[in-house]
Amino acid sequence: MTNAIYLVRHAKAGSRAAWGEDDALRPLVDEGRQQACLVAARLAPLHPPRLVSSPFLRCRQTLEPLAEMTSLAVESVDALREGVDTDTALTFLEALADGAVACSHGDVIPAVLKRLEWYGLDIVDWPDTRKGSVCRLERLEGRFVRAHFSAPPR
């Protein structure tokens, strides 16, 4: 197991503007489902101990293929929901066990990374937070110290 967690931006979902229902219920599109399967193929060999997600459908759906491959359940947590306070999200992520996979949104992930960078996080690669991207947040003595990014699968 690694001294890191994996932070996943949800895969491609339908258009927010075209969606007429509660945004929390907006699902992945076909391309997003394919991205989710490719993300799962990347992360399953790492044997994550836990999968956590924003309660929004698109985030849960992003981790479902990984859940199937690892026989883990996807846990919905409000600390990763869209619009959550950065301190709330960061406190939750810091408490996760090494190897855990967390899925969140395009407002939460960059805000957390910016806060961590302010605390001295070394961002090794270009900070890719596009839909379906994965950020490996490495820890040293319980503190996030380095971030590596994997581009969204295509």
N, C-alpha and C. Protein backbone atom coordinates (compact mmCIF):
# COMPACT_ATOMS: atom_id res chain seq x y z
N MET A 1 0.84 -1.19 0.00
CA MET A 1 0.00 0.00 0.00
C MET A 1 0.88 1.25 0.00
N THR A 2 0.36 2.30 -0.54
CA THR A 2 1.11 3.54 -0.69
C THR A 2 0.72 4.55 0.40
N ASN A 3 1.61 5.49 0.67
CA ASN A 3 1.30 6.59 1.59
C ASN A 3 0.67 7.72 0.81
N ALA A 4 -0.50 7.45 0.27
CA ALA A 4 -1.18 8.43 -0.56
C ALA A 4 -2.66 8.09 -0.62
N ILE A 5 -3.44 9.08 -1.01
CA ILE A 5 -4.83 8.85 -1.37
C ILE A 5 -4.99 9.29 -2.82
N TYR A 6 -6.10 8.91 -3.42
CA TYR A 6 -6.37 9.21 -4.81
C TYR A 6 -7.63 10.04 -4.90
N LEU A 7 -7.51 11.22 -5.47
CA LEU A 7 -8.62 12.15 -5.58
C LEU A 7 -9.05 12.20 -7.05
N VAL A 8 -10.28 11.76 -7.31
CA VAL A 8 -10.79 11.64 -8.67
C VAL A 8 -11.83 12.72 -8.93
N ARG A 9 -11.68 13.40 -10.06
CA ARG A 9 -12.72 14.33 -10.51
C ARG A 9 -13.76 13.48 -11.23
N HIS A 10 -15.03 13.68 -10.94
CA HIS A 10 -16.05 12.86 -11.59
C HIS A 10 -15.89 12.89 -13.11
N ALA A 11 -16.29 11.81 -13.72
CA ALA A 11 -16.20 11.68 -15.17
C ALA A 11 -17.25 12.58 -15.85
N LYS A 12 -17.21 12.58 -17.17
CA LYS A 12 -18.06 13.47 -17.96
C LYS A 12 -19.55 13.17 -17.74
N ALA A 13 -20.27 14.21 -17.35
CA ALA A 13 -21.71 14.12 -17.11
C ALA A 13 -22.44 14.93 -18.17
N GLY A 14 -23.73 14.80 -18.19
CA GLY A 14 -24.55 15.59 -19.11
C GLY A 14 -24.44 17.07 -18.82
N SER A 15 -24.89 17.87 -19.73
CA SER A 15 -24.84 19.33 -19.61
C SER A 15 -25.69 19.81 -18.44
N ARG A 16 -25.07 20.65 -17.62
CA ARG A 16 -25.80 21.25 -16.49
C ARG A 16 -26.96 22.11 -17.00
N ALA A 17 -26.71 22.87 -18.05
CA ALA A 17 -27.73 23.78 -18.58
C ALA A 17 -28.92 23.02 -19.18
N ALA A 18 -28.65 21.85 -19.76
CA ALA A 18 -29.72 21.08 -20.39
C ALA A 18 -30.46 20.17 -19.41
N TRP A 19 -29.94 20.03 -18.21
CA TRP A 19 -30.55 19.15 -17.21
C TRP A 19 -31.65 19.90 -16.48
N GLY A 20 -32.87 19.39 -16.52
CA GLY A 20 -33.99 20.10 -15.92
C GLY A 20 -34.34 19.68 -14.52
N GLU A 21 -33.66 18.69 -13.99
CA GLU A 21 -33.97 18.19 -12.65
C GLU A 21 -32.93 18.66 -11.65
N ASP A 22 -33.03 18.14 -10.45
CA ASP A 22 -32.05 18.43 -9.39
C ASP A 22 -30.65 18.07 -9.90
N ASP A 23 -29.71 19.00 -9.82
CA ASP A 23 -28.37 18.78 -10.35
C ASP A 23 -27.67 17.61 -9.66
N ALA A 24 -28.03 17.31 -8.45
CA ALA A 24 -27.43 16.18 -7.74
C ALA A 24 -27.76 14.86 -8.43
N LEU A 25 -28.77 14.86 -9.28
CA LEU A 25 -29.20 13.64 -9.97
C LEU A 25 -28.69 13.54 -11.40
N ARG A 26 -27.86 14.50 -11.82
CA ARG A 26 -27.35 14.51 -13.20
C ARG A 26 -26.36 13.35 -13.40
N PRO A 27 -26.63 12.46 -14.36
CA PRO A 27 -25.81 11.26 -14.53
C PRO A 27 -24.64 11.47 -15.49
N LEU A 28 -23.78 10.46 -15.52
CA LEU A 28 -22.72 10.41 -16.51
C LEU A 28 -23.32 10.15 -17.89
N VAL A 29 -22.64 10.65 -18.90
CA VAL A 29 -22.99 10.33 -20.28
C VAL A 29 -22.16 9.11 -20.69
N ASP A 30 -22.38 8.60 -21.90
CA ASP A 30 -21.65 7.40 -22.34
C ASP A 30 -20.14 7.58 -22.23
N GLU A 31 -19.62 8.73 -22.67
CA GLU A 31 -18.18 8.97 -22.56
C GLU A 31 -17.73 8.94 -21.11
N GLY A 32 -18.54 9.47 -20.21
CA GLY A 32 -18.22 9.46 -18.79
C GLY A 32 -18.20 8.05 -18.22
N ARG A 33 -19.13 7.21 -18.65
CA ARG A 33 -19.14 5.82 -18.18
C ARG A 33 -17.88 5.09 -18.67
N GLN A 34 -17.46 5.40 -19.90
CA GLN A 34 -16.22 4.80 -20.41
C GLN A 34 -15.02 5.30 -19.60
N GLN A 35 -14.99 6.60 -19.29
CA GLN A 35 -13.91 7.14 -18.47
C GLN A 35 -13.88 6.45 -17.11
N ALA A 36 -15.05 6.25 -16.51
CA ALA A 36 -15.13 5.62 -15.20
C ALA A 36 -14.54 4.21 -15.24
N CYS A 37 -14.80 3.48 -16.31
CA CYS A 37 -14.24 2.13 -16.43
C CYS A 37 -12.72 2.17 -16.57
N LEU A 38 -12.21 3.15 -17.30
CA LEU A 38 -10.76 3.28 -17.46
C LEU A 38 -10.09 3.73 -16.17
N VAL A 39 -10.73 4.61 -15.43
CA VAL A 39 -10.21 5.01 -14.11
C VAL A 39 -10.17 3.79 -13.19
N ALA A 40 -11.20 2.99 -13.23
CA ALA A 40 -11.26 1.78 -12.41
C ALA A 40 -10.11 0.84 -12.76
N ALA A 41 -9.84 0.67 -14.04
CA ALA A 41 -8.76 -0.22 -14.47
C ALA A 41 -7.40 0.28 -13.96
N ARG A 42 -7.24 1.61 -13.88
CA ARG A 42 -5.99 2.19 -13.35
C ARG A 42 -5.84 1.97 -11.84
N LEU A 43 -6.96 2.14 -11.13
CA LEU A 43 -6.89 2.16 -9.66
C LEU A 43 -7.12 0.81 -8.99
N ALA A 44 -7.83 -0.10 -9.62
CA ALA A 44 -8.12 -1.40 -8.99
C ALA A 44 -6.87 -2.17 -8.60
N PRO A 45 -5.80 -2.18 -9.43
CA PRO A 45 -4.60 -2.92 -9.05
C PRO A 45 -3.92 -2.39 -7.77
N LEU A 46 -4.31 -1.18 -7.35
CA LEU A 46 -3.73 -0.59 -6.13
C LEU A 46 -4.44 -1.09 -4.87
N HIS A 47 -5.51 -1.85 -5.04
CA HIS A 47 -6.27 -2.43 -3.92
C HIS A 47 -6.68 -1.39 -2.88
N PRO A 48 -7.45 -0.39 -3.30
CA PRO A 48 -7.86 0.64 -2.33
C PRO A 48 -8.68 0.01 -1.20
N PRO A 49 -8.49 0.51 0.03
CA PRO A 49 -9.25 -0.03 1.16
C PRO A 49 -10.64 0.58 1.30
N ARG A 50 -10.87 1.72 0.63
CA ARG A 50 -12.14 2.44 0.82
C ARG A 50 -12.40 3.32 -0.39
N LEU A 51 -13.69 3.42 -0.77
CA LEU A 51 -14.12 4.30 -1.84
C LEU A 51 -15.15 5.26 -1.28
N VAL A 52 -14.87 6.56 -1.39
CA VAL A 52 -15.78 7.58 -0.87
C VAL A 52 -16.10 8.57 -1.98
N SER A 53 -17.31 9.11 -1.94
CA SER A 53 -17.78 9.94 -3.03
C SER A 53 -18.71 11.02 -2.52
N SER A 54 -18.74 12.11 -3.27
CA SER A 54 -19.82 13.07 -3.11
C SER A 54 -21.12 12.30 -3.29
N PRO A 55 -22.19 12.72 -2.62
CA PRO A 55 -23.47 12.04 -2.82
C PRO A 55 -24.09 12.29 -4.19
N PHE A 56 -23.54 13.21 -4.98
CA PHE A 56 -24.08 13.50 -6.30
C PHE A 56 -23.91 12.27 -7.20
N LEU A 57 -24.94 11.96 -7.98
CA LEU A 57 -24.98 10.75 -8.79
C LEU A 57 -23.75 10.60 -9.68
N ARG A 58 -23.31 11.67 -10.34
CA ARG A 58 -22.20 11.57 -11.27
C ARG A 58 -20.90 11.14 -10.59
N CYS A 59 -20.72 11.52 -9.34
CA CYS A 59 -19.53 11.08 -8.59
C CYS A 59 -19.65 9.61 -8.21
N ARG A 60 -20.80 9.24 -7.70
CA ARG A 60 -21.00 7.82 -7.33
C ARG A 60 -20.84 6.92 -8.55
N GLN A 61 -21.42 7.35 -9.69
CA GLN A 61 -21.30 6.55 -10.91
C GLN A 61 -19.85 6.44 -11.38
N THR A 62 -19.05 7.46 -11.13
CA THR A 62 -17.64 7.43 -11.52
C THR A 62 -16.90 6.32 -10.78
N LEU A 63 -17.26 6.06 -9.54
CA LEU A 63 -16.57 5.04 -8.76
C LEU A 63 -17.22 3.66 -8.82
N GLU A 64 -18.41 3.55 -9.41
CA GLU A 64 -19.09 2.24 -9.44
C GLU A 64 -18.30 1.15 -10.14
N PRO A 65 -17.66 1.39 -11.30
CA PRO A 65 -16.86 0.31 -11.89
C PRO A 65 -15.71 -0.13 -10.99
N LEU A 66 -15.10 0.81 -10.28
CA LEU A 66 -14.04 0.46 -9.34
C LEU A 66 -14.60 -0.35 -8.18
N ALA A 67 -15.78 0.01 -7.73
CA ALA A 67 -16.43 -0.75 -6.65
C ALA A 67 -16.67 -2.18 -7.09
N GLU A 68 -17.13 -2.37 -8.32
CA GLU A 68 -17.36 -3.72 -8.83
C GLU A 68 -16.07 -4.51 -8.92
N MET A 69 -14.99 -3.87 -9.36
CA MET A 69 -13.71 -4.57 -9.51
C MET A 69 -13.06 -4.92 -8.18
N THR A 70 -13.37 -4.15 -7.15
CA THR A 70 -12.71 -4.35 -5.84
C THR A 70 -13.63 -4.95 -4.79
N SER A 71 -14.89 -5.13 -5.13
CA SER A 71 -15.91 -5.63 -4.18
C SER A 71 -16.08 -4.71 -2.97
N LEU A 72 -15.86 -3.43 -3.18
CA LEU A 72 -16.08 -2.42 -2.14
C LEU A 72 -17.36 -1.66 -2.44
N ALA A 73 -17.95 -1.09 -1.42
CA ALA A 73 -19.10 -0.20 -1.60
C ALA A 73 -18.60 1.23 -1.79
N VAL A 74 -19.35 2.02 -2.53
CA VAL A 74 -19.07 3.45 -2.65
C VAL A 74 -19.84 4.15 -1.53
N GLU A 75 -19.11 4.79 -0.63
CA GLU A 75 -19.73 5.51 0.49
C GLU A 75 -19.97 6.96 0.07
N SER A 76 -21.19 7.45 0.25
CA SER A 76 -21.51 8.85 -0.03
C SER A 76 -21.23 9.69 1.21
N VAL A 77 -20.46 10.78 1.01
CA VAL A 77 -20.13 11.66 2.13
C VAL A 77 -20.34 13.11 1.74
N ASP A 78 -21.02 13.84 2.59
CA ASP A 78 -21.30 15.25 2.33
C ASP A 78 -20.05 16.11 2.26
N ALA A 79 -18.96 15.67 2.87
CA ALA A 79 -17.72 16.45 2.88
C ALA A 79 -17.09 16.57 1.50
N LEU A 80 -17.60 15.82 0.52
CA LEU A 80 -17.07 15.88 -0.85
C LEU A 80 -18.07 16.46 -1.84
N ARG A 81 -19.23 16.89 -1.36
CA ARG A 81 -20.30 17.38 -2.24
C ARG A 81 -19.92 18.72 -2.88
N GLU A 82 -20.52 19.01 -4.00
CA GLU A 82 -20.30 20.28 -4.69
C GLU A 82 -20.66 21.43 -3.75
N GLY A 83 -19.83 22.46 -3.72
CA GLY A 83 -20.11 23.64 -2.91
C GLY A 83 -19.69 23.54 -1.46
N VAL A 84 -19.09 22.42 -1.07
CA VAL A 84 -18.70 22.25 0.33
C VAL A 84 -17.55 23.21 0.68
N ASP A 85 -17.49 23.59 1.92
CA ASP A 85 -16.41 24.43 2.43
C ASP A 85 -15.06 23.70 2.28
N THR A 86 -14.03 24.39 1.84
CA THR A 86 -12.72 23.80 1.61
C THR A 86 -12.17 23.14 2.87
N ASP A 87 -12.32 23.78 4.02
CA ASP A 87 -11.81 23.19 5.27
C ASP A 87 -12.49 21.87 5.58
N THR A 88 -13.78 21.78 5.31
CA THR A 88 -14.52 20.54 5.56
C THR A 88 -13.98 19.42 4.67
N ALA A 89 -13.82 19.72 3.39
CA ALA A 89 -13.30 18.71 2.46
C ALA A 89 -11.89 18.29 2.83
N LEU A 90 -11.04 19.25 3.14
CA LEU A 90 -9.65 18.95 3.46
C LEU A 90 -9.54 18.13 4.75
N THR A 91 -10.28 18.48 5.76
CA THR A 91 -10.26 17.73 7.01
C THR A 91 -10.67 16.28 6.77
N PHE A 92 -11.70 16.07 5.94
CA PHE A 92 -12.14 14.72 5.62
C PHE A 92 -11.04 13.95 4.89
N LEU A 93 -10.46 14.57 3.86
CA LEU A 93 -9.42 13.90 3.08
C LEU A 93 -8.20 13.55 3.92
N GLU A 94 -7.83 14.43 4.81
CA GLU A 94 -6.66 14.18 5.67
C GLU A 94 -6.89 12.97 6.58
N ALA A 95 -8.14 12.69 6.92
CA ALA A 95 -8.44 11.58 7.82
C ALA A 95 -8.55 10.23 7.09
N LEU A 96 -8.56 10.24 5.76
CA LEU A 96 -8.69 8.98 5.03
C LEU A 96 -7.44 8.12 5.17
N ALA A 97 -7.65 6.83 5.19
CA ALA A 97 -6.53 5.88 5.24
C ALA A 97 -5.78 5.90 3.91
N ASP A 98 -4.52 5.58 3.97
CA ASP A 98 -3.71 5.50 2.76
C ASP A 98 -4.34 4.52 1.78
N GLY A 99 -4.30 4.88 0.52
CA GLY A 99 -4.83 4.04 -0.54
C GLY A 99 -6.28 4.30 -0.88
N ALA A 100 -6.98 5.08 -0.05
CA ALA A 100 -8.39 5.36 -0.29
C ALA A 100 -8.55 6.17 -1.58
N VAL A 101 -9.73 6.01 -2.21
CA VAL A 101 -10.08 6.75 -3.41
C VAL A 101 -11.29 7.61 -3.09
N ALA A 102 -11.18 8.90 -3.40
CA ALA A 102 -12.26 9.86 -3.14
C ALA A 102 -12.64 10.54 -4.45
N CYS A 103 -13.95 10.68 -4.69
CA CYS A 103 -14.42 11.34 -5.91
C CYS A 103 -15.20 12.60 -5.55
N SER A 104 -14.84 13.71 -6.21
CA SER A 104 -15.50 14.97 -5.92
C SER A 104 -15.64 15.80 -7.20
N HIS A 105 -15.77 17.10 -7.03
CA HIS A 105 -16.20 18.02 -8.09
C HIS A 105 -15.14 19.04 -8.48
N GLY A 106 -15.44 19.74 -9.58
CA GLY A 106 -14.54 20.73 -10.15
C GLY A 106 -14.39 22.00 -9.35
N ASP A 107 -15.22 22.22 -8.34
CA ASP A 107 -14.99 23.36 -7.45
C ASP A 107 -14.22 22.92 -6.21
N VAL A 108 -14.46 21.71 -5.75
CA VAL A 108 -13.86 21.23 -4.50
C VAL A 108 -12.38 20.89 -4.69
N ILE A 109 -12.07 20.11 -5.71
CA ILE A 109 -10.70 19.62 -5.88
C ILE A 109 -9.69 20.75 -6.07
N PRO A 110 -9.90 21.70 -6.99
CA PRO A 110 -8.93 22.79 -7.11
C PRO A 110 -8.79 23.62 -5.83
N ALA A 111 -9.89 23.83 -5.11
CA ALA A 111 -9.82 24.60 -3.86
C ALA A 111 -8.97 23.87 -2.82
N VAL A 112 -9.14 22.56 -2.71
CA VAL A 112 -8.34 21.77 -1.78
C VAL A 112 -6.86 21.83 -2.18
N LEU A 113 -6.59 21.66 -3.47
CA LEU A 113 -5.20 21.69 -3.93
C LEU A 113 -4.56 23.06 -3.70
N LYS A 114 -5.32 24.11 -3.93
CA LYS A 114 -4.79 25.47 -3.70
C LYS A 114 -4.44 25.66 -2.22
N ARG A 115 -5.33 25.19 -1.35
CA ARG A 115 -5.06 25.29 0.09
C ARG A 115 -3.83 24.48 0.46
N LEU A 116 -3.72 23.26 -0.05
CA LEU A 116 -2.56 22.43 0.25
C LEU A 116 -1.28 23.03 -0.31
N GLU A 117 -1.36 23.64 -1.48
CA GLU A 117 -0.19 24.29 -2.06
C GLU A 117 0.27 25.45 -1.17
N TRP A 118 -0.69 26.14 -0.62
CA TRP A 118 -0.37 27.23 0.31
C TRP A 118 0.38 26.70 1.53
N TYR A 119 0.03 25.46 1.93
CA TYR A 119 0.70 24.80 3.07
C TYR A 119 2.00 24.11 2.67
N GLY A 120 2.39 24.22 1.39
CA GLY A 120 3.67 23.67 0.96
C GLY A 120 3.60 22.44 0.08
N LEU A 121 2.41 22.05 -0.39
CA LEU A 121 2.27 20.91 -1.28
C LEU A 121 3.10 21.14 -2.54
N ASP A 122 3.88 20.14 -2.94
CA ASP A 122 4.66 20.19 -4.17
C ASP A 122 3.81 19.58 -5.28
N ILE A 123 3.40 20.40 -6.22
CA ILE A 123 2.63 19.89 -7.36
C ILE A 123 3.63 19.56 -8.46
N VAL A 124 3.82 18.25 -8.66
CA VAL A 124 4.87 17.75 -9.54
C VAL A 124 4.54 17.97 -11.01
N ASP A 125 3.32 17.70 -11.39
CA ASP A 125 2.88 17.80 -12.78
C ASP A 125 1.97 19.00 -12.94
N TRP A 126 1.59 19.26 -14.18
CA TRP A 126 0.58 20.27 -14.42
C TRP A 126 -0.69 19.84 -13.71
N PRO A 127 -1.30 20.69 -12.90
CA PRO A 127 -2.48 20.29 -12.13
C PRO A 127 -3.71 20.08 -13.00
N ASP A 128 -3.87 18.84 -13.44
CA ASP A 128 -4.95 18.47 -14.34
C ASP A 128 -6.16 18.05 -13.53
N THR A 129 -7.18 18.89 -13.51
CA THR A 129 -8.40 18.57 -12.76
C THR A 129 -9.60 18.48 -13.69
N ARG A 130 -9.36 18.11 -14.96
CA ARG A 130 -10.46 17.91 -15.88
C ARG A 130 -11.28 16.68 -15.47
N LYS A 131 -12.48 16.55 -16.00
CA LYS A 131 -13.35 15.43 -15.66
C LYS A 131 -12.68 14.10 -15.97
N GLY A 132 -12.65 13.23 -14.96
CA GLY A 132 -12.03 11.92 -15.09
C GLY A 132 -10.57 11.87 -14.71
N SER A 133 -10.00 13.01 -14.33
CA SER A 133 -8.59 13.02 -13.92
C SER A 133 -8.42 12.44 -12.52
N VAL A 134 -7.21 12.00 -12.22
CA VAL A 134 -6.89 11.43 -10.91
C VAL A 134 -5.67 12.16 -10.36
N CYS A 135 -5.76 12.57 -9.11
CA CYS A 135 -4.64 13.19 -8.41
C CYS A 135 -4.18 12.26 -7.30
N ARG A 136 -2.92 11.87 -7.34
CA ARG A 136 -2.34 11.07 -6.26
C ARG A 136 -1.74 12.06 -5.26
N LEU A 137 -2.32 12.10 -4.06
CA LEU A 137 -1.84 13.00 -3.00
C LEU A 137 -0.99 12.19 -2.04
N GLU A 138 0.32 12.39 -2.11
CA GLU A 138 1.26 11.64 -1.27
C GLU A 138 1.40 12.31 0.09
N ARG A 139 1.58 11.46 1.09
CA ARG A 139 1.74 11.95 2.47
C ARG A 139 3.09 11.59 3.03
N LEU A 140 3.54 12.43 3.92
CA LEU A 140 4.73 12.16 4.71
C LEU A 140 4.40 12.59 6.14
N GLU A 141 4.50 11.66 7.05
CA GLU A 141 4.19 11.92 8.46
C GLU A 141 2.80 12.55 8.61
N GLY A 142 1.84 12.01 7.85
CA GLY A 142 0.45 12.44 7.98
C GLY A 142 0.08 13.71 7.25
N ARG A 143 1.03 14.34 6.59
CA ARG A 143 0.78 15.61 5.89
C ARG A 143 0.91 15.41 4.39
N PHE A 144 -0.02 15.97 3.61
CA PHE A 144 0.09 15.88 2.16
C PHE A 144 1.26 16.74 1.70
N VAL A 145 2.18 16.12 0.96
CA VAL A 145 3.40 16.82 0.57
C VAL A 145 3.61 16.91 -0.94
N ARG A 146 2.98 16.01 -1.72
CA ARG A 146 3.24 15.97 -3.14
C ARG A 146 1.98 15.54 -3.87
N ALA A 147 1.79 16.13 -5.06
CA ALA A 147 0.63 15.78 -5.90
C ALA A 147 1.12 15.41 -7.30
N HIS A 148 0.64 14.26 -7.78
CA HIS A 148 0.89 13.80 -9.14
C HIS A 148 -0.46 13.66 -9.83
N PHE A 149 -0.55 14.06 -11.08
CA PHE A 149 -1.82 14.03 -11.80
C PHE A 149 -1.77 13.07 -12.96
N SER A 150 -2.88 12.39 -13.18
CA SER A 150 -3.07 11.55 -14.36
C SER A 150 -4.20 12.19 -15.16
N ALA A 151 -3.94 12.39 -16.43
CA ALA A 151 -4.94 13.01 -17.31
C ALA A 151 -6.18 12.13 -17.41
N PRO A 152 -7.30 12.72 -17.74
CA PRO A 152 -8.51 11.92 -17.94
C PRO A 152 -8.28 10.86 -19.01
N PRO A 153 -8.79 9.66 -18.78
CA PRO A 153 -8.63 8.63 -19.81
C PRO A 153 -9.51 8.95 -21.03
N ARG A 154 -9.04 8.59 -22.17
CA ARG A 154 -9.78 8.82 -23.42
C ARG A 154 -9.99 7.53 -24.15
